[in-house]
Protein backbone atom coordinates (compact mmCIF):
# COMPACT_ATOMS: atom_id res chain seq x y z
CA MET A 1 19.45 113.28 151.50
CA ASN A 2 16.45 114.26 149.13
CA LEU A 3 18.06 115.07 145.96
CA GLN A 4 14.78 115.64 143.93
CA PRO A 5 14.77 119.39 144.00
CA VAL A 6 18.05 119.53 142.96
CA LYS A 7 17.21 117.08 139.94
CA SER A 8 13.98 118.88 139.32
CA ARG A 9 15.71 122.42 138.97
CA PHE A 10 18.86 121.37 136.75
CA GLY A 11 16.86 118.85 134.94
CA ILE A 12 18.57 116.01 135.60
CA VAL A 13 17.07 112.37 135.31
CA GLY A 14 18.43 109.22 136.74
CA ASN A 15 18.64 107.03 140.09
CA SER A 16 21.96 105.38 139.52
CA PRO A 17 24.16 105.15 142.57
CA GLY A 18 27.19 107.15 140.78
CA LEU A 19 24.75 109.73 139.76
CA GLU A 20 23.43 109.73 143.42
CA ARG A 21 26.83 110.23 144.79
CA ALA A 22 27.90 113.06 142.85
CA LEU A 23 24.80 115.39 143.23
CA ALA A 24 25.25 114.41 147.17
CA THR A 25 28.92 115.61 147.00
CA ALA A 26 28.09 119.04 145.24
CA VAL A 27 25.62 119.64 147.52
CA ARG A 28 27.89 118.64 150.59
CA VAL A 29 30.96 120.68 149.18
CA ALA A 30 28.99 123.75 147.97
CA PRO A 31 29.28 125.59 151.50
CA ALA A 32 32.59 125.15 151.63
CA ASP A 33 35.22 127.83 150.21
CA ILE A 34 36.95 125.67 147.98
CA THR A 35 38.21 124.75 144.66
CA VAL A 36 36.52 122.00 142.79
CA LEU A 37 37.42 120.05 139.70
CA VAL A 38 34.77 117.74 138.13
CA ARG A 39 36.34 115.20 135.95
CA GLY A 40 34.46 112.33 133.59
CA GLU A 41 33.95 110.94 130.50
CA SER A 42 32.53 112.99 127.74
CA GLY A 43 28.82 113.69 127.45
CA THR A 44 28.25 112.21 131.26
CA GLY A 45 26.54 115.59 132.29
CA LYS A 46 29.73 116.67 133.94
CA GLU A 47 28.52 120.60 133.31
CA ALA A 48 25.79 120.41 136.06
CA LEU A 49 27.67 119.74 138.79
CA PRO A 50 29.64 123.03 139.09
CA LYS A 51 26.13 124.94 138.40
CA ILE A 52 24.57 122.86 141.52
CA ILE A 53 28.04 123.98 143.90
CA HIS A 54 27.41 127.48 142.44
CA HIS A 55 23.74 127.63 143.39
CA ASN A 56 24.12 126.21 146.57
CA SER A 57 26.88 128.16 147.63
CA ALA A 58 27.84 131.50 149.80
CA ARG A 59 28.56 133.03 146.19
CA LYS A 60 25.17 132.01 144.65
CA HIS A 61 24.16 135.34 144.26
CA GLY A 62 27.52 136.11 141.96
CA THR A 63 28.81 135.93 138.72
CA TYR A 64 28.68 132.02 137.62
CA ILE A 65 31.76 131.72 134.87
CA ASP A 66 31.97 128.18 133.34
CA ARG A 67 35.38 127.09 132.74
CA LYS A 68 35.86 123.93 130.81
CA SER A 69 39.03 122.40 130.55
CA THR A 70 38.80 122.15 126.50
CA ARG A 71 39.32 125.92 127.01
CA LEU A 72 42.81 125.57 128.31
CA ASN A 73 46.11 125.63 126.18
CA SER A 74 48.17 122.65 125.68
CA SER A 75 50.98 124.43 128.17
CA HIS A 76 48.63 123.71 131.06
CA ALA A 77 47.96 119.92 130.13
CA ASN A 78 51.77 119.46 131.10
CA ILE A 79 52.15 120.92 134.66
CA SER A 80 53.50 118.53 137.12
CA TYR A 81 53.58 118.73 140.79
């Protein structure tokens, strides 16, 4: 899969296997009507993946709402299923 157009559009620089896998996964899940949770270390650029998913989804013409887990209150952090 050629990910260069995605990288260019979203200003992503790098070619590591982990980055390539994350981008390919984002593009692959975008057409599905599912909820996606993006997790990772602070400062790794996670905010780009939901934008990529939204841009490549059927909802791309709708409003993109950024929901960061840091905005959740502490009561959400202790939920067990």
